[in-house]
Amino acid sequence: VGVPSIGMGVATLSGAVTSAILGLGLRSAAY
């Protein structure tokens, strides 16, 4: 998918971090 990085103003979440959050989050959502 290539999840892009997200700017948070004071910090930027890298693509790896956003991918991890979405992957873990969607898996958690299923449960």
Full PDB file with SEQRES, HELIX, SHEET, SSBOND, CRYST1, ORIGX, SCALE, CONECT and MASTER records, all heavy atoms in Angstrom:
SEQRES   1 A   31  VAL GLY VAL PRO SER ILE GLY MET GLY VAL ALA THR LEU          
SEQRES   2 A   31  SER GLY ALA VAL THR SER ALA ILE LEU GLY LEU GLY LEU          
SEQRES   3 A   31  ARG SER ALA ALA TYR                                          
HELIX    1 AA1 GLY A   15  ALA A   30  1                                  16    
SHEET    1 AA1 2 ILE A   6  GLY A   7  0                                        
SHEET    2 AA1 2 THR A  12  LEU A  13 -1                                        
CRYST1    1.000    1.000    1.000  90.00  90.00  90.00 P 1           1          
ORIGX1      1.000000  0.000000  0.000000        0.00000                         
ORIGX2      0.000000  1.000000  0.000000        0.00000                         
ORIGX3      0.000000  0.000000  1.000000        0.00000                         
SCALE1      1.000000  0.000000  0.000000        0.00000                         
SCALE2      0.000000  1.000000  0.000000        0.00000                         
SCALE3      0.000000  0.000000  1.000000        0.00000                         
ATOM      1  N   VAL A   1       0.834  -1.212   0.000  1.00  0.00           N  
ATOM      2  CA  VAL A   1       0.000   0.000   0.000  1.00  0.00           C  
ATOM      3  C   VAL A   1       0.858   1.247   0.000  1.00  0.00           C  
ATOM      4  O   VAL A   1       0.550   2.242  -0.667  1.00  0.00           O  
ATOM      5  CB  VAL A   1      -0.954  -0.009   1.219  1.00  0.00           C  
ATOM      6  CG1 VAL A   1      -1.773   1.277   1.266  1.00  0.00           C  
ATOM      7  CG2 VAL A   1      -1.872  -1.223   1.158  1.00  0.00           C  
ATOM      8  N   GLY A   2       1.953   1.216   0.751  1.00  0.00           N  
ATOM      9  CA  GLY A   2       2.831   2.380   0.822  1.00  0.00           C  
ATOM     10  C   GLY A   2       2.202   3.550   1.555  1.00  0.00           C  
ATOM     11  O   GLY A   2       2.065   4.652   1.008  1.00  0.00           O  
ATOM     12  N   VAL A   3       1.807   3.314   2.801  1.00  0.00           N  
ATOM     13  CA  VAL A   3       1.177   4.369   3.600  1.00  0.00           C  
ATOM     14  C   VAL A   3       2.145   5.534   3.736  1.00  0.00           C  
ATOM     15  O   VAL A   3       3.297   5.340   4.139  1.00  0.00           O  
ATOM     16  CB  VAL A   3       0.777   3.838   4.989  1.00  0.00           C  
ATOM     17  CG1 VAL A   3       0.135   4.945   5.820  1.00  0.00           C  
ATOM     18  CG2 VAL A   3      -0.169   2.658   4.845  1.00  0.00           C  
ATOM     19  N   PRO A   4       1.720   6.754   3.411  1.00  0.00           N  
ATOM     20  CA  PRO A   4       2.638   7.903   3.457  1.00  0.00           C  
ATOM     21  C   PRO A   4       2.892   8.381   4.879  1.00  0.00           C  
ATOM     22  O   PRO A   4       2.168   8.020   5.823  1.00  0.00           O  
ATOM     23  CB  PRO A   4       1.893   8.970   2.656  1.00  0.00           C  
ATOM     24  CG  PRO A   4       0.444   8.643   2.873  1.00  0.00           C  
ATOM     25  CD  PRO A   4       0.379   7.140   2.933  1.00  0.00           C  
ATOM     26  N   SER A   5       3.923   9.190   5.041  1.00  0.00           N  
ATOM     27  CA  SER A   5       4.188   9.815   6.335  1.00  0.00           C  
ATOM     28  C   SER A   5       3.144  10.904   6.584  1.00  0.00           C  
ATOM     29  O   SER A   5       2.533  11.424   5.654  1.00  0.00           O  
ATOM     30  CB  SER A   5       5.591  10.419   6.361  1.00  0.00           C  
ATOM     31  OG  SER A   5       5.739  11.386   5.325  1.00  0.00           O  
ATOM     32  N   ILE A   6       2.939  11.220   7.846  1.00  0.00           N  
ATOM     33  CA  ILE A   6       1.929  12.202   8.235  1.00  0.00           C  
ATOM     34  C   ILE A   6       2.575  13.278   9.091  1.00  0.00           C  
ATOM     35  O   ILE A   6       3.220  12.968  10.104  1.00  0.00           O  
ATOM     36  CB  ILE A   6       0.773  11.538   9.016  1.00  0.00           C  
ATOM     37  CG1 ILE A   6       0.082  10.483   8.149  1.00  0.00           C  
ATOM     38  CG2 ILE A   6      -0.236  12.594   9.482  1.00  0.00           C  
ATOM     39  CD1 ILE A   6      -1.020   9.734   8.869  1.00  0.00           C  
ATOM     40  N   GLY A   7       2.416  14.531   8.691  1.00  0.00           N  
ATOM     41  CA  GLY A   7       2.930  15.639   9.474  1.00  0.00           C  
ATOM     42  C   GLY A   7       2.000  15.959  10.628  1.00  0.00           C  
ATOM     43  O   GLY A   7       0.788  16.079  10.438  1.00  0.00           O  
ATOM     44  N   MET A   8       2.572  16.064  11.824  1.00  0.00           N  
ATOM     45  CA  MET A   8       1.787  16.350  13.024  1.00  0.00           C  
ATOM     46  C   MET A   8       2.098  17.726  13.598  1.00  0.00           C  
ATOM     47  O   MET A   8       1.887  17.982  14.775  1.00  0.00           O  
ATOM     48  CB  MET A   8       2.066  15.285  14.091  1.00  0.00           C  
ATOM     49  CG  MET A   8       1.798  13.867  13.638  1.00  0.00           C  
ATOM     50  SD  MET A   8       0.049  13.521  13.398  1.00  0.00           S  
ATOM     51  CE  MET A   8      -0.528  13.545  15.072  1.00  0.00           C  
ATOM     52  N   GLY A   9       2.613  18.634  12.775  1.00  0.00           N  
ATOM     53  CA  GLY A   9       2.971  19.957  13.255  1.00  0.00           C  
ATOM     54  C   GLY A   9       4.364  19.958  13.852  1.00  0.00           C  
ATOM     55  O   GLY A   9       5.344  20.304  13.186  1.00  0.00           O  
ATOM     56  N   VAL A  10       4.474  19.564  15.120  1.00  0.00           N  
ATOM     57  CA  VAL A  10       5.778  19.552  15.787  1.00  0.00           C  
ATOM     58  C   VAL A  10       6.603  18.328  15.405  1.00  0.00           C  
ATOM     59  O   VAL A  10       7.810  18.295  15.635  1.00  0.00           O  
ATOM     60  CB  VAL A  10       5.598  19.597  17.321  1.00  0.00           C  
ATOM     61  CG1 VAL A  10       4.966  20.908  17.743  1.00  0.00           C  
ATOM     62  CG2 VAL A  10       4.751  18.430  17.809  1.00  0.00           C  
ATOM     63  N   ALA A  11       5.970  17.302  14.870  1.00  0.00           N  
ATOM     64  CA  ALA A  11       6.679  16.076  14.503  1.00  0.00           C  
ATOM     65  C   ALA A  11       6.027  15.463  13.278  1.00  0.00           C  
ATOM     66  O   ALA A  11       4.910  15.825  12.889  1.00  0.00           O  
ATOM     67  CB  ALA A  11       6.683  15.084  15.661  1.00  0.00           C  
ATOM     68  N   THR A  12       6.750  14.558  12.651  1.00  0.00           N  
ATOM     69  CA  THR A  12       6.248  13.853  11.477  1.00  0.00           C  
ATOM     70  C   THR A  12       6.312  12.358  11.717  1.00  0.00           C  
ATOM     71  O   THR A  12       7.347  11.832  12.144  1.00  0.00           O  
ATOM     72  CB  THR A  12       7.078  14.202  10.227  1.00  0.00           C  
ATOM     73  OG1 THR A  12       6.998  15.603   9.975  1.00  0.00           O  
ATOM     74  CG2 THR A  12       6.554  13.444   9.009  1.00  0.00           C  
ATOM     75  N   LEU A  13       5.189  11.679  11.486  1.00  0.00           N  
ATOM     76  CA  LEU A  13       5.160  10.230  11.605  1.00  0.00           C  
ATOM     77  C   LEU A  13       5.617   9.623  10.284  1.00  0.00           C  
ATOM     78  O   LEU A  13       5.042   9.892   9.236  1.00  0.00           O  
ATOM     79  CB  LEU A  13       3.751   9.745  11.939  1.00  0.00           C  
ATOM     80  CG  LEU A  13       3.139  10.241  13.254  1.00  0.00           C  
ATOM     81  CD1 LEU A  13       1.735   9.658  13.429  1.00  0.00           C  
ATOM     82  CD2 LEU A  13       4.015   9.863  14.436  1.00  0.00           C  
ATOM     83  N   SER A  14       6.660   8.813  10.340  1.00  0.00           N  
ATOM     84  CA  SER A  14       7.186   8.199   9.128  1.00  0.00           C  
ATOM     85  C   SER A  14       6.194   7.204   8.554  1.00  0.00           C  
ATOM     86  O   SER A  14       5.229   6.799   9.214  1.00  0.00           O  
ATOM     87  CB  SER A  14       8.509   7.492   9.440  1.00  0.00           C  
ATOM     88  OG  SER A  14       8.287   6.377  10.292  1.00  0.00           O  
ATOM     89  N   GLY A  15       6.453   6.809   7.309  1.00  0.00           N  
ATOM     90  CA  GLY A  15       5.589   5.823   6.672  1.00  0.00           C  
ATOM     91  C   GLY A  15       5.560   4.511   7.430  1.00  0.00           C  
ATOM     92  O   GLY A  15       4.528   3.840   7.501  1.00  0.00           O  
ATOM     93  N   ALA A  16       6.702   4.128   8.030  1.00  0.00           N  
ATOM     94  CA  ALA A  16       6.753   2.890   8.800  1.00  0.00           C  
ATOM     95  C   ALA A  16       5.870   2.981  10.038  1.00  0.00           C  
ATOM     96  O   ALA A  16       5.162   2.025  10.389  1.00  0.00           O  
ATOM     97  CB  ALA A  16       8.192   2.577   9.202  1.00  0.00           C  
ATOM     98  N   VAL A  17       5.896   4.140  10.716  1.00  0.00           N  
ATOM     99  CA  VAL A  17       5.087   4.308  11.926  1.00  0.00           C  
ATOM    100  C   VAL A  17       3.604   4.297  11.581  1.00  0.00           C  
ATOM    101  O   VAL A  17       2.803   3.628  12.241  1.00  0.00           O  
ATOM    102  CB  VAL A  17       5.464   5.611  12.657  1.00  0.00           C  
ATOM    103  CG1 VAL A  17       4.493   5.883  13.806  1.00  0.00           C  
ATOM    104  CG2 VAL A  17       6.892   5.529  13.186  1.00  0.00           C  
ATOM    105  N   THR A  18       3.215   5.044  10.531  1.00  0.00           N  
ATOM    106  CA  THR A  18       1.798   5.074  10.161  1.00  0.00           C  
ATOM    107  C   THR A  18       1.328   3.706   9.669  1.00  0.00           C  
ATOM    108  O   THR A  18       0.195   3.292   9.940  1.00  0.00           O  
ATOM    109  CB  THR A  18       1.549   6.133   9.072  1.00  0.00           C  
ATOM    110  OG1 THR A  18       2.445   5.922   7.969  1.00  0.00           O  
ATOM    111  CG2 THR A  18       1.772   7.538   9.619  1.00  0.00           C  
ATOM    112  N   SER A  19       2.204   2.985   8.977  1.00  0.00           N  
ATOM    113  CA  SER A  19       1.847   1.627   8.547  1.00  0.00           C  
ATOM    114  C   SER A  19       1.642   0.713   9.747  1.00  0.00           C  
ATOM    115  O   SER A  19       0.712  -0.101   9.773  1.00  0.00           O  
ATOM    116  CB  SER A  19       2.948   1.056   7.648  1.00  0.00           C  
ATOM    117  OG  SER A  19       3.074   1.796   6.446  1.00  0.00           O  
ATOM    118  N   ALA A  20       2.510   0.860  10.754  1.00  0.00           N  
ATOM    119  CA  ALA A  20       2.385   0.040  11.957  1.00  0.00           C  
ATOM    120  C   ALA A  20       1.094   0.357  12.699  1.00  0.00           C  
ATOM    121  O   ALA A  20       0.389  -0.548  13.157  1.00  0.00           O  
ATOM    122  CB  ALA A  20       3.593   0.268  12.865  1.00  0.00           C  
ATOM    123  N   ILE A  21       0.771   1.648  12.818  1.00  0.00           N  
ATOM    124  CA  ILE A  21      -0.444   2.042  13.527  1.00  0.00           C  
ATOM    125  C   ILE A  21      -1.680   1.521  12.801  1.00  0.00           C  
ATOM    126  O   ILE A  21      -2.605   0.982  13.431  1.00  0.00           O  
ATOM    127  CB  ILE A  21      -0.501   3.575  13.681  1.00  0.00           C  
ATOM    128  CG1 ILE A  21       0.593   4.044  14.644  1.00  0.00           C  
ATOM    129  CG2 ILE A  21      -1.879   4.018  14.186  1.00  0.00           C  
ATOM    130  CD1 ILE A  21       0.720   5.553  14.719  1.00  0.00           C  
ATOM    131  N   LEU A  22      -1.704   1.673  11.477  1.00  0.00           N  
ATOM    132  CA  LEU A  22      -2.861   1.201  10.715  1.00  0.00           C  
ATOM    133  C   LEU A  22      -2.967  -0.323  10.742  1.00  0.00           C  
ATOM    134  O   LEU A  22      -4.060  -0.881  10.901  1.00  0.00           O  
ATOM    135  CB  LEU A  22      -2.775   1.692   9.273  1.00  0.00           C  
ATOM    136  CG  LEU A  22      -3.128   3.163   9.029  1.00  0.00           C  
ATOM    137  CD1 LEU A  22      -2.939   3.518   7.560  1.00  0.00           C  
ATOM    138  CD2 LEU A  22      -4.562   3.456   9.459  1.00  0.00           C  
ATOM    139  N   GLY A  23      -1.834  -1.001  10.581  1.00  0.00           N  
ATOM    140  CA  GLY A  23      -1.865  -2.465  10.598  1.00  0.00           C  
ATOM    141  C   GLY A  23      -2.309  -3.007  11.941  1.00  0.00           C  
ATOM    142  O   GLY A  23      -3.211  -3.849  12.021  1.00  0.00           O  
ATOM    143  N   LEU A  24      -1.683  -2.514  13.016  1.00  0.00           N  
ATOM    144  CA  LEU A  24      -2.074  -2.945  14.356  1.00  0.00           C  
ATOM    145  C   LEU A  24      -3.497  -2.510  14.676  1.00  0.00           C  
ATOM    146  O   LEU A  24      -4.262  -3.248  15.306  1.00  0.00           O  
ATOM    147  CB  LEU A  24      -1.110  -2.358  15.390  1.00  0.00           C  
ATOM    148  CG  LEU A  24       0.313  -2.939  15.426  1.00  0.00           C  
ATOM    149  CD1 LEU A  24       1.231  -2.033  16.238  1.00  0.00           C  
ATOM    150  CD2 LEU A  24       0.312  -4.340  15.997  1.00  0.00           C  
ATOM    151  N   GLY A  25      -3.852  -1.288  14.235  1.00  0.00           N  
ATOM    152  CA  GLY A  25      -5.177  -0.758  14.538  1.00  0.00           C  
ATOM    153  C   GLY A  25      -6.290  -1.524  13.853  1.00  0.00           C  
ATOM    154  O   GLY A  25      -7.313  -1.834  14.472  1.00  0.00           O  
ATOM    155  N   LEU A  26      -6.118  -1.839  12.577  1.00  0.00           N  
ATOM    156  CA  LEU A  26      -7.156  -2.578  11.852  1.00  0.00           C  
ATOM    157  C   LEU A  26      -7.282  -4.005  12.379  1.00  0.00           C  
ATOM    158  O   LEU A  26      -8.392  -4.547  12.475  1.00  0.00           O  
ATOM    159  CB  LEU A  26      -6.843  -2.582  10.355  1.00  0.00           C  
ATOM    160  CG  LEU A  26      -6.973  -1.229   9.654  1.00  0.00           C  
ATOM    161  CD1 LEU A  26      -6.567  -1.344   8.190  1.00  0.00           C  
ATOM    162  CD2 LEU A  26      -8.400  -0.689   9.765  1.00  0.00           C  
ATOM    163  N   ARG A  27      -6.147  -4.601  12.707  1.00  0.00           N  
ATOM    164  CA  ARG A  27      -6.197  -5.952  13.297  1.00  0.00           C  
ATOM    165  C   ARG A  27      -6.922  -5.892  14.645  1.00  0.00           C  
ATOM    166  O   ARG A  27      -7.769  -6.746  14.949  1.00  0.00           O  
ATOM    167  CB  ARG A  27      -4.783  -6.481  13.467  1.00  0.00           C  
ATOM    168  CG  ARG A  27      -4.675  -7.809  14.216  1.00  0.00           C  
ATOM    169  CD  ARG A  27      -5.338  -8.957  13.471  1.00  0.00           C  
ATOM    170  NE  ARG A  27      -5.102 -10.214  14.155  1.00  0.00           N  
ATOM    171  CZ  ARG A  27      -4.085 -11.021  13.916  1.00  0.00           C  
ATOM    172  NH1 ARG A  27      -3.196 -10.685  12.988  1.00  0.00           N  
ATOM    173  NH2 ARG A  27      -3.946 -12.137  14.571  1.00  0.00           N  
ATOM    174  N   SER A  28      -6.618  -4.873  15.447  1.00  0.00           N  
ATOM    175  CA  SER A  28      -7.307  -4.710  16.730  1.00  0.00           C  
ATOM    176  C   SER A  28      -8.789  -4.430  16.528  1.00  0.00           C  
ATOM    177  O   SER A  28      -9.631  -4.918  17.291  1.00  0.00           O  
ATOM    178  CB  SER A  28      -6.664  -3.576  17.534  1.00  0.00           C  
ATOM    179  OG  SER A  28      -7.326  -3.389  18.762  1.00  0.00           O  
ATOM    180  N   ALA A  29      -9.125  -3.650  15.504  1.00  0.00           N  
ATOM    181  CA  ALA A  29     -10.531  -3.334  15.228  1.00  0.00           C  
ATOM    182  C   ALA A  29     -11.328  -4.603  14.954  1.00  0.00           C  
ATOM    183  O   ALA A  29     -12.495  -4.714  15.351  1.00  0.00           O  
ATOM    184  CB  ALA A  29     -10.634  -2.383  14.042  1.00  0.00           C  
ATOM    185  N   ALA A  30     -10.699  -5.567  14.271  1.00  0.00           N  
ATOM    186  CA  ALA A  30     -11.395  -6.820  13.973  1.00  0.00           C  
ATOM    187  C   ALA A  30     -11.762  -7.563  15.251  1.00  0.00           C  
ATOM    188  O   ALA A  30     -12.824  -8.198  15.326  1.00  0.00           O  
ATOM    189  CB  ALA A  30     -10.518  -7.701  13.081  1.00  0.00           C  
ATOM    190  N   TYR A  31     -10.906  -7.480  16.261  1.00  0.00           N  
ATOM    191  CA  TYR A  31     -11.198  -8.135  17.535  1.00  0.00           C  
ATOM    192  C   TYR A  31     -12.075  -7.269  18.427  1.00  0.00           C  
ATOM    193  O   TYR A  31     -12.970  -7.783  19.114  1.00  0.00           O  
ATOM    194  CB  TYR A  31      -9.894  -8.489  18.251  1.00  0.00           C  
ATOM    195  CG  TYR A  31      -9.182  -9.666  17.636  1.00  0.00           C  
ATOM    196  CD1 TYR A  31      -8.120  -9.486  16.756  1.00  0.00           C  
ATOM    197  CD2 TYR A  31      -9.578 -10.966  17.925  1.00  0.00           C  
ATOM    198  CE1 TYR A  31      -7.475 -10.569  16.176  1.00  0.00           C  
ATOM    199  CE2 TYR A  31      -8.940 -12.060  17.351  1.00  0.00           C  
ATOM    200  CZ  TYR A  31      -7.889 -11.854  16.480  1.00  0.00           C  
ATOM    201  OH  TYR A  31      -7.257 -12.936  15.896  1.00  0.00           O  
TER     202      TYR A  31                                                      
MASTER        0    0    0    1    2    0    0    6  201    1    0    3          
END                                                                             
